[in-house]
């Protein structure tokens, strides 16, 4: 599943990038949507952490080198998609595990049934393997 990151400018007219990120996170609480924050302001550690707290995966300062931005987006997409594959694989393993548990329960019931029949038998039973 290809999930494109949202690239949000921290300083936008009418709504800042943090508010928009919060709305994105609230609208899709079960999804991990990568967000890259851009800013032209000077480095401020508190603002950087604020971005990371809002599902931010990167905080980039302007002016942005488009080659670096493209590479970072590509890397984040690869990581995100790998995580999605891991989640999907874990779900498949869980389903397989549940099927095996059910099959084991059926086998145990069958074994108990045969033990009960064998123990209730008035005559001895001999099994000969040729």
C-alpha atoms as a PDB file:
ATOM      1  CA  UNK A   1       0.000   0.000   0.000  1.00  0.00           C
ATOM      2  CA  UNK A   2       1.576   3.245  -1.107  1.00  0.00           C
ATOM      3  CA  UNK A   3       1.126   5.969   1.477  1.00  0.00           C
ATOM      4  CA  UNK A   4       2.336   9.378   0.413  1.00  0.00           C
ATOM      5  CA  UNK A   5       3.550  11.653   3.180  1.00  0.00           C
ATOM      6  CA  UNK A   6       1.782  14.907   3.847  1.00  0.00           C
ATOM      7  CA  UNK A   7       4.168  17.823   3.462  1.00  0.00           C
ATOM      8  CA  UNK A   8       2.968  20.658   5.657  1.00  0.00           C
ATOM      9  CA  UNK A   9       4.385  24.118   5.997  1.00  0.00           C
ATOM     10  CA  UNK A  10       4.512  25.089   9.649  1.00  0.00           C
ATOM     11  CA  UNK A  11       3.538  28.695   8.850  1.00  0.00           C
ATOM     12  CA  UNK A  12       0.507  28.872   6.568  1.00  0.00           C
ATOM     13  CA  UNK A  13      -2.178  31.564   6.348  1.00  0.00           C
ATOM     14  CA  UNK A  14      -5.338  30.912   8.391  1.00  0.00           C
ATOM     15  CA  UNK A  15      -4.143  27.561   9.800  1.00  0.00           C
ATOM     16  CA  UNK A  16      -0.655  26.488  10.806  1.00  0.00           C
ATOM     17  CA  UNK A  17       0.811  23.105   9.903  1.00  0.00           C
ATOM     18  CA  UNK A  18       0.494  21.824  13.462  1.00  0.00           C
ATOM     19  CA  UNK A  19      -3.269  22.430  13.518  1.00  0.00           C
ATOM     20  CA  UNK A  20      -3.674  20.740  10.146  1.00  0.00           C
ATOM     21  CA  UNK A  21      -1.566  17.783  11.319  1.00  0.00           C
ATOM     22  CA  UNK A  22      -3.764  17.468  14.418  1.00  0.00           C
ATOM     23  CA  UNK A  23      -6.878  17.411  12.219  1.00  0.00           C
ATOM     24  CA  UNK A  24      -5.337  14.739   9.968  1.00  0.00           C
ATOM     25  CA  UNK A  25      -4.431  12.576  12.966  1.00  0.00           C
ATOM     26  CA  UNK A  26      -7.897  12.991  14.520  1.00  0.00           C
ATOM     27  CA  UNK A  27      -9.677  12.208  11.240  1.00  0.00           C
ATOM     28  CA  UNK A  28      -7.746   8.949  10.752  1.00  0.00           C
ATOM     29  CA  UNK A  29      -6.824   7.703  14.234  1.00  0.00           C
ATOM     30  CA  UNK A  30      -6.174   4.117  13.088  1.00  0.00           C
ATOM     31  CA  UNK A  31      -3.799   5.090  10.287  1.00  0.00           C
ATOM     32  CA  UNK A  32      -0.207   6.135  10.518  1.00  0.00           C
ATOM     33  CA  UNK A  33       0.103   8.953   8.012  1.00  0.00           C
ATOM     34  CA  UNK A  34       3.642  10.251   7.606  1.00  0.00           C
ATOM     35  CA  UNK A  35       3.946  14.014   7.901  1.00  0.00           C
ATOM     36  CA  UNK A  36       6.947  16.079   6.885  1.00  0.00           C
ATOM     37  CA  UNK A  37       6.990  19.570   8.355  1.00  0.00           C
ATOM     38  CA  UNK A  38       8.648  22.454   6.490  1.00  0.00           C
ATOM     39  CA  UNK A  39       9.588  25.753   8.048  1.00  0.00           C
ATOM     40  CA  UNK A  40      11.490  28.878   7.115  1.00  0.00           C
ATOM     41  CA  UNK A  41      11.897  29.933  10.737  1.00  0.00           C
ATOM     42  CA  UNK A  42      15.076  29.469  12.698  1.00  0.00           C
ATOM     43  CA  UNK A  43      15.688  26.215  14.523  1.00  0.00           C
ATOM     44  CA  UNK A  44      13.485  25.926  17.576  1.00  0.00           C
ATOM     45  CA  UNK A  45      13.730  22.603  19.399  1.00  0.00           C
ATOM     46  CA  UNK A  46      10.286  22.970  21.013  1.00  0.00           C
ATOM     47  CA  UNK A  47       8.640  23.423  17.615  1.00  0.00           C
ATOM     48  CA  UNK A  48      10.520  20.443  16.189  1.00  0.00           C
ATOM     49  CA  UNK A  49       9.301  18.219  19.052  1.00  0.00           C
ATOM     50  CA  UNK A  50       5.786  19.580  18.625  1.00  0.00           C
ATOM     51  CA  UNK A  51       5.917  18.390  15.015  1.00  0.00           C
ATOM     52  CA  UNK A  52       7.194  14.951  15.994  1.00  0.00           C
ATOM     53  CA  UNK A  53       4.442  14.639  18.617  1.00  0.00           C
ATOM     54  CA  UNK A  54       1.883  15.140  15.821  1.00  0.00           C
ATOM     55  CA  UNK A  55       3.011  12.106  13.796  1.00  0.00           C
ATOM     56  CA  UNK A  56       5.778  14.063  12.106  1.00  0.00           C
ATOM     57  CA  UNK A  57       8.505  11.927  10.569  1.00  0.00           C
ATOM     58  CA  UNK A  58      10.766  14.794   9.561  1.00  0.00           C
ATOM     59  CA  UNK A  59      11.219  18.472  10.155  1.00  0.00           C
ATOM     60  CA  UNK A  60      12.976  20.285   7.296  1.00  0.00           C
ATOM     61  CA  UNK A  61      14.162  23.879   7.243  1.00  0.00           C
ATOM     62  CA  UNK A  62      13.827  26.087   4.168  1.00  0.00           C
ATOM     63  CA  UNK A  63      15.283  26.708   1.690  1.00  0.00           C
ATOM     64  CA  UNK A  64      14.773  23.082   0.716  1.00  0.00           C
ATOM     65  CA  UNK A  65      17.045  21.273  -1.683  1.00  0.00           C
ATOM     66  CA  UNK A  66      14.576  19.405  -3.905  1.00  0.00           C
ATOM     67  CA  UNK A  67      16.978  16.476  -4.401  1.00  0.00           C
ATOM     68  CA  UNK A  68      17.305  15.985  -0.629  1.00  0.00           C
ATOM     69  CA  UNK A  69      13.544  16.328  -0.149  1.00  0.00           C
ATOM     70  CA  UNK A  70      12.828  13.708  -2.838  1.00  0.00           C
ATOM     71  CA  UNK A  71      15.351  11.303  -1.275  1.00  0.00           C
ATOM     72  CA  UNK A  72      13.882  11.757   2.202  1.00  0.00           C
ATOM     73  CA  UNK A  73      10.365  11.188   0.900  1.00  0.00           C
ATOM     74  CA  UNK A  74      11.511   8.038  -0.894  1.00  0.00           C
ATOM     75  CA  UNK A  75      13.177   6.687   2.254  1.00  0.00           C
ATOM     76  CA  UNK A  76      10.144   7.430   4.418  1.00  0.00           C
ATOM     77  CA  UNK A  77       7.863   5.754   1.907  1.00  0.00           C
ATOM     78  CA  UNK A  78      10.070   2.661   1.903  1.00  0.00           C
ATOM     79  CA  UNK A  79      10.046   2.504   5.697  1.00  0.00           C
ATOM     80  CA  UNK A  80       6.304   3.085   5.858  1.00  0.00           C
ATOM     81  CA  UNK A  81       5.590   0.427   3.238  1.00  0.00           C
ATOM     82  CA  UNK A  82       7.882  -2.062   5.009  1.00  0.00           C
ATOM     83  CA  UNK A  83       5.932  -1.439   8.213  1.00  0.00           C
ATOM     84  CA  UNK A  84       2.659  -2.034   6.364  1.00  0.00           C
ATOM     85  CA  UNK A  85       3.998  -5.349   5.019  1.00  0.00           C
ATOM     86  CA  UNK A  86       5.049  -6.361   8.545  1.00  0.00           C
ATOM     87  CA  UNK A  87       1.584  -5.513   9.874  1.00  0.00           C
ATOM     88  CA  UNK A  88      -0.079  -7.481   7.056  1.00  0.00           C
ATOM     89  CA  UNK A  89       2.241 -10.458   7.620  1.00  0.00           C
ATOM     90  CA  UNK A  90       1.524 -10.366  11.360  1.00  0.00           C
ATOM     91  CA  UNK A  91      -2.219 -10.432  10.632  1.00  0.00           C
ATOM     92  CA  UNK A  92      -1.772 -13.445   8.341  1.00  0.00           C
ATOM     93  CA  UNK A  93       0.278 -15.224  11.008  1.00  0.00           C
ATOM     94  CA  UNK A  94      -2.419 -14.511  13.593  1.00  0.00           C
ATOM     95  CA  UNK A  95      -5.091 -15.993  11.308  1.00  0.00           C
ATOM     96  CA  UNK A  96      -2.949 -19.093  10.677  1.00  0.00           C
ATOM     97  CA  UNK A  97      -2.304 -19.450  14.385  1.00  0.00           C
ATOM     98  CA  UNK A  98      -6.024 -19.273  15.132  1.00  0.00           C
ATOM     99  CA  UNK A  99      -6.703 -21.971  12.524  1.00  0.00           C
ATOM    100  CA  UNK A 100      -4.044 -24.225  14.066  1.00  0.00           C
ATOM    101  CA  UNK A 101      -5.525 -23.711  17.534  1.00  0.00           C
ATOM    102  CA  UNK A 102      -8.943 -24.778  16.254  1.00  0.00           C
ATOM    103  CA  UNK A 103      -7.479 -27.841  14.520  1.00  0.00           C
ATOM    104  CA  UNK A 104      -5.648 -28.813  17.724  1.00  0.00           C
ATOM    105  CA  UNK A 105      -8.898 -28.529  19.682  1.00  0.00           C
ATOM    106  CA  UNK A 106     -10.622 -30.843  17.180  1.00  0.00           C
ATOM    107  CA  UNK A 107      -7.742 -33.345  17.423  1.00  0.00           C
ATOM    108  CA  UNK A 108      -7.866 -33.299  21.235  1.00  0.00           C
ATOM    109  CA  UNK A 109     -11.614 -33.969  21.199  1.00  0.00           C
ATOM    110  CA  UNK A 110     -11.092 -36.831  18.753  1.00  0.00           C
ATOM    111  CA  UNK A 111      -8.321 -38.281  20.909  1.00  0.00           C
ATOM    112  CA  UNK A 112     -10.526 -38.054  24.031  1.00  0.00           C
ATOM    113  CA  UNK A 113     -13.377 -39.774  22.170  1.00  0.00           C
ATOM    114  CA  UNK A 114     -11.143 -42.656  21.091  1.00  0.00           C
ATOM    115  CA  UNK A 115      -9.663 -43.008  24.593  1.00  0.00           C
ATOM    116  CA  UNK A 116     -13.171 -43.133  26.039  1.00  0.00           C
ATOM    117  CA  UNK A 117     -14.204 -45.832  23.536  1.00  0.00           C
ATOM    118  CA  UNK A 118     -11.052 -47.816  24.276  1.00  0.00           C
ATOM    119  CA  UNK A 119     -11.445 -47.553  28.060  1.00  0.00           C
ATOM    120  CA  UNK A 120     -15.155 -48.486  27.898  1.00  0.00           C
ATOM    121  CA  UNK A 121     -14.527 -51.554  25.763  1.00  0.00           C
ATOM    122  CA  UNK A 122     -15.332 -54.774  27.708  1.00  0.00           C
ATOM    123  CA  UNK A 123     -12.814 -56.859  25.797  1.00  0.00           C
ATOM    124  CA  UNK A 124      -9.185 -56.148  25.199  1.00  0.00           C
ATOM    125  CA  UNK A 125      -8.295 -54.688  21.875  1.00  0.00           C
ATOM    126  CA  UNK A 126      -5.101 -55.684  20.162  1.00  0.00           C
ATOM    127  CA  UNK A 127      -3.645 -53.827  17.261  1.00  0.00           C
ATOM    128  CA  UNK A 128      -1.272 -55.710  15.043  1.00  0.00           C
ATOM    129  CA  UNK A 129       0.727 -53.935  12.438  1.00  0.00           C
ATOM    130  CA  UNK A 130       1.865 -56.122   9.500  1.00  0.00           C
END
